[in-house]
N, C-alpha and C. Protein backbone atom coordinates (compact mmCIF):
# COMPACT_ATOMS: atom_id res chain seq x y z
N MET A 1 15.12 15.16 17.40
CA MET A 1 14.08 14.31 16.85
C MET A 1 12.95 14.00 17.74
N ALA A 2 11.76 13.94 17.01
CA ALA A 2 10.55 13.69 17.87
C ALA A 2 10.54 12.21 18.28
N THR A 3 9.62 12.08 19.32
CA THR A 3 9.28 10.72 19.85
C THR A 3 7.88 10.44 19.62
N LEU A 4 7.58 9.17 19.27
CA LEU A 4 6.14 8.86 19.03
C LEU A 4 5.86 7.69 19.88
N THR A 5 4.65 7.68 20.60
CA THR A 5 4.18 6.55 21.32
C THR A 5 2.93 5.99 20.68
N ILE A 6 2.90 4.73 20.53
CA ILE A 6 1.70 4.13 19.92
C ILE A 6 0.97 3.42 21.08
N LYS A 7 -0.25 3.81 21.15
CA LYS A 7 -1.10 3.19 22.19
C LYS A 7 -1.97 2.20 21.67
N ASP A 8 -2.25 1.11 22.37
CA ASP A 8 -3.18 0.01 21.91
C ASP A 8 -2.74 -0.64 20.80
N LEU A 9 -1.50 -0.87 20.48
CA LEU A 9 -0.95 -1.56 19.31
C LEU A 9 -1.41 -3.05 19.50
N PRO A 10 -2.16 -3.53 18.57
CA PRO A 10 -2.58 -4.99 18.57
C PRO A 10 -1.39 -5.96 18.72
N ASP A 11 -1.48 -6.98 19.54
CA ASP A 11 -0.30 -7.91 19.75
C ASP A 11 0.12 -8.50 18.41
N LYS A 12 -0.88 -8.88 17.59
CA LYS A 12 -0.58 -9.48 16.27
C LYS A 12 0.24 -8.63 15.43
N LEU A 13 -0.07 -7.36 15.43
CA LEU A 13 0.63 -6.40 14.54
C LEU A 13 2.00 -6.22 15.05
N HIS A 14 2.18 -6.17 16.39
CA HIS A 14 3.41 -6.05 17.00
C HIS A 14 4.38 -7.18 16.64
N ARG A 15 3.82 -8.48 16.65
CA ARG A 15 4.58 -9.67 16.29
C ARG A 15 4.97 -9.68 14.82
N GLN A 16 4.03 -9.13 14.00
CA GLN A 16 4.38 -9.08 12.54
C GLN A 16 5.49 -8.06 12.31
N LEU A 17 5.39 -6.92 12.90
CA LEU A 17 6.41 -5.91 12.70
C LEU A 17 7.81 -6.33 13.16
N LYS A 18 7.77 -6.98 14.34
CA LYS A 18 9.02 -7.54 14.96
C LYS A 18 9.57 -8.66 14.03
N ALA A 19 8.82 -9.48 13.49
CA ALA A 19 9.27 -10.59 12.51
C ALA A 19 9.92 -9.88 11.35
N ARG A 20 9.23 -8.95 10.78
CA ARG A 20 9.78 -8.31 9.56
C ARG A 20 11.06 -7.56 9.91
N ALA A 21 11.15 -6.96 10.99
CA ALA A 21 12.39 -6.25 11.38
C ALA A 21 13.55 -7.21 11.56
N LEU A 22 13.23 -8.44 12.10
CA LEU A 22 14.32 -9.46 12.21
C LEU A 22 14.69 -9.90 10.88
N GLN A 23 13.79 -10.04 10.02
CA GLN A 23 14.12 -10.51 8.66
C GLN A 23 15.07 -9.52 7.95
N GLN A 24 14.83 -8.30 8.12
CA GLN A 24 15.56 -7.25 7.52
C GLN A 24 16.78 -6.82 8.28
N HIS A 25 17.16 -7.51 9.38
CA HIS A 25 18.20 -7.24 10.28
C HIS A 25 18.12 -5.80 10.80
N ARG A 26 16.99 -5.37 11.33
CA ARG A 26 16.83 -4.01 11.77
C ARG A 26 16.18 -4.20 13.20
N SER A 27 16.32 -3.14 13.93
CA SER A 27 15.60 -2.96 15.23
C SER A 27 14.08 -2.74 14.84
N LEU A 28 13.35 -3.06 15.78
CA LEU A 28 11.85 -2.67 15.60
C LEU A 28 11.67 -1.29 15.31
N ASN A 29 12.39 -0.31 16.01
CA ASN A 29 12.19 1.06 15.89
C ASN A 29 12.64 1.49 14.47
N SER A 30 13.79 0.93 13.97
CA SER A 30 14.30 1.25 12.60
C SER A 30 13.38 0.83 11.58
N HIS A 31 12.81 -0.28 11.75
CA HIS A 31 11.87 -1.01 10.78
C HIS A 31 10.59 -0.09 10.65
N ILE A 32 10.07 0.32 11.84
CA ILE A 32 8.77 1.09 11.85
C ILE A 32 9.14 2.52 11.17
N ILE A 33 10.26 3.04 11.44
CA ILE A 33 10.59 4.34 10.75
C ILE A 33 10.62 4.08 9.24
N ALA A 34 11.22 2.97 8.84
CA ALA A 34 11.30 2.69 7.36
C ALA A 34 9.94 2.50 6.74
N VAL A 35 9.08 1.83 7.47
CA VAL A 35 7.65 1.52 6.94
C VAL A 35 6.84 2.85 6.88
N LEU A 36 7.07 3.77 7.91
CA LEU A 36 6.41 5.07 7.85
C LEU A 36 6.90 5.95 6.67
N GLU A 37 8.26 5.90 6.46
CA GLU A 37 8.76 6.62 5.41
C GLU A 37 8.28 6.13 4.08
N ALA A 38 8.24 4.83 3.87
CA ALA A 38 7.76 4.30 2.63
C ALA A 38 6.29 4.67 2.39
N ALA A 39 5.57 4.66 3.48
CA ALA A 39 4.04 4.95 3.33
C ALA A 39 3.80 6.42 3.07
N THR A 40 4.68 7.32 3.42
CA THR A 40 4.46 8.75 3.24
C THR A 40 5.31 9.39 2.13
N THR A 41 6.17 8.69 1.52
CA THR A 41 7.03 9.13 0.48
C THR A 41 6.24 8.83 -0.89
N PRO A 42 6.11 9.86 -1.78
CA PRO A 42 5.39 9.66 -2.93
C PRO A 42 6.30 8.71 -3.88
N GLN A 43 5.67 7.80 -4.55
CA GLN A 43 6.32 6.90 -5.46
C GLN A 43 6.15 7.34 -6.85
N ARG A 44 7.38 7.41 -7.59
CA ARG A 44 7.30 7.75 -9.00
C ARG A 44 6.67 6.65 -9.77
N THR A 45 5.87 6.98 -10.66
CA THR A 45 5.12 5.94 -11.45
C THR A 45 5.77 5.99 -12.83
N ASP A 46 6.35 4.82 -13.26
CA ASP A 46 6.97 4.68 -14.54
C ASP A 46 5.71 4.56 -15.58
N PRO A 47 5.57 5.46 -16.50
CA PRO A 47 4.52 5.50 -17.51
C PRO A 47 4.40 4.08 -18.24
N GLU A 48 5.56 3.63 -18.56
CA GLU A 48 5.46 2.34 -19.31
C GLU A 48 4.87 1.20 -18.52
N THR A 49 5.22 1.07 -17.26
CA THR A 49 4.72 0.10 -16.30
C THR A 49 3.20 0.35 -16.17
N LEU A 50 2.92 1.52 -15.94
CA LEU A 50 1.42 1.87 -15.84
C LEU A 50 0.62 1.51 -16.97
N LEU A 51 1.09 1.76 -18.22
CA LEU A 51 0.49 1.47 -19.47
C LEU A 51 0.31 -0.12 -19.60
N ALA A 52 1.42 -0.82 -19.23
CA ALA A 52 1.43 -2.27 -19.29
C ALA A 52 0.37 -2.88 -18.38
N ARG A 53 0.28 -2.27 -17.20
CA ARG A 53 -0.85 -2.74 -16.22
C ARG A 53 -2.20 -2.52 -16.78
N ALA A 54 -2.35 -1.30 -17.37
CA ALA A 54 -3.68 -0.99 -17.86
C ALA A 54 -4.01 -1.98 -19.07
N THR A 55 -3.09 -2.29 -19.85
CA THR A 55 -3.28 -3.21 -20.95
C THR A 55 -3.79 -4.56 -20.46
N VAL A 56 -3.06 -5.10 -19.48
CA VAL A 56 -3.44 -6.34 -18.79
C VAL A 56 -4.83 -6.28 -18.24
N LEU A 57 -5.15 -5.22 -17.55
CA LEU A 57 -6.44 -5.14 -16.88
C LEU A 57 -7.52 -5.06 -18.02
N ARG A 58 -7.25 -4.32 -19.09
CA ARG A 58 -8.27 -4.24 -20.13
C ARG A 58 -8.48 -5.59 -20.81
N SER A 59 -7.47 -6.41 -20.93
CA SER A 59 -7.59 -7.66 -21.62
C SER A 59 -8.44 -8.60 -20.68
N ARG A 60 -8.31 -8.41 -19.33
CA ARG A 60 -9.11 -9.29 -18.42
C ARG A 60 -10.65 -8.97 -18.47
N VAL A 61 -10.96 -7.79 -18.75
CA VAL A 61 -12.40 -7.39 -18.73
C VAL A 61 -12.95 -7.50 -20.10
N GLY A 62 -12.00 -7.69 -21.05
CA GLY A 62 -12.55 -7.76 -22.45
C GLY A 62 -13.44 -6.62 -22.96
N GLY A 63 -13.17 -5.47 -22.51
CA GLY A 63 -13.97 -4.35 -22.97
C GLY A 63 -15.38 -4.35 -22.41
N LYS A 64 -15.66 -5.12 -21.40
CA LYS A 64 -17.05 -5.31 -20.89
C LYS A 64 -17.43 -4.16 -19.90
N LEU A 65 -16.53 -3.33 -19.44
CA LEU A 65 -16.79 -2.29 -18.59
C LEU A 65 -17.14 -1.02 -19.17
N THR A 66 -18.23 -0.37 -18.79
CA THR A 66 -18.58 0.95 -19.42
C THR A 66 -18.10 1.97 -18.47
N ASP A 67 -18.22 3.24 -18.93
CA ASP A 67 -17.94 4.38 -18.10
C ASP A 67 -18.75 4.42 -16.75
N SER A 68 -20.03 4.08 -17.00
CA SER A 68 -20.97 3.99 -15.85
C SER A 68 -20.52 2.93 -14.92
N ASP A 69 -20.05 1.73 -15.38
CA ASP A 69 -19.55 0.74 -14.49
C ASP A 69 -18.36 1.22 -13.72
N LEU A 70 -17.49 1.88 -14.36
CA LEU A 70 -16.25 2.40 -13.65
C LEU A 70 -16.60 3.44 -12.67
N SER A 71 -17.60 4.23 -12.96
CA SER A 71 -17.97 5.22 -11.93
C SER A 71 -18.58 4.60 -10.72
N VAL A 72 -19.32 3.56 -10.90
CA VAL A 72 -19.91 2.86 -9.78
C VAL A 72 -18.81 2.23 -8.92
N LEU A 73 -17.85 1.58 -9.61
CA LEU A 73 -16.73 0.91 -8.87
C LEU A 73 -15.90 1.90 -8.26
N ARG A 74 -15.59 3.09 -8.81
CA ARG A 74 -14.86 4.10 -8.15
C ARG A 74 -15.48 4.56 -6.85
N ASN A 75 -16.76 4.68 -6.89
CA ASN A 75 -17.49 5.30 -5.74
C ASN A 75 -17.94 4.22 -4.66
N THR A 76 -17.68 3.04 -4.95
CA THR A 76 -18.06 1.92 -4.01
C THR A 76 -17.29 2.10 -2.76
N GLY A 77 -17.97 2.18 -1.64
CA GLY A 77 -17.39 2.27 -0.35
C GLY A 77 -17.13 3.71 0.10
N ARG A 78 -17.35 4.70 -0.77
CA ARG A 78 -17.17 6.16 -0.40
C ARG A 78 -18.41 6.61 0.19
N ARG A 79 -18.34 7.55 1.03
CA ARG A 79 -19.55 8.17 1.64
C ARG A 79 -19.56 9.60 1.28
């Protein structure tokens, strides 16, 4: 197995990771491996859940967003 060294880890992030590891009765190393696996493993999307979320979002905006608005929102922050 490979070994990974993380340099310049902020103290606050270290404390947060350590606290979460303790809450889940894991070592810090095991917790970090679990976090990395979760972040890199594709999540299956349930179509029904996705459609339900879309319906809720549509009701919030009340049909006031145009395709042009969505395009601007999609590209905000991209360079």
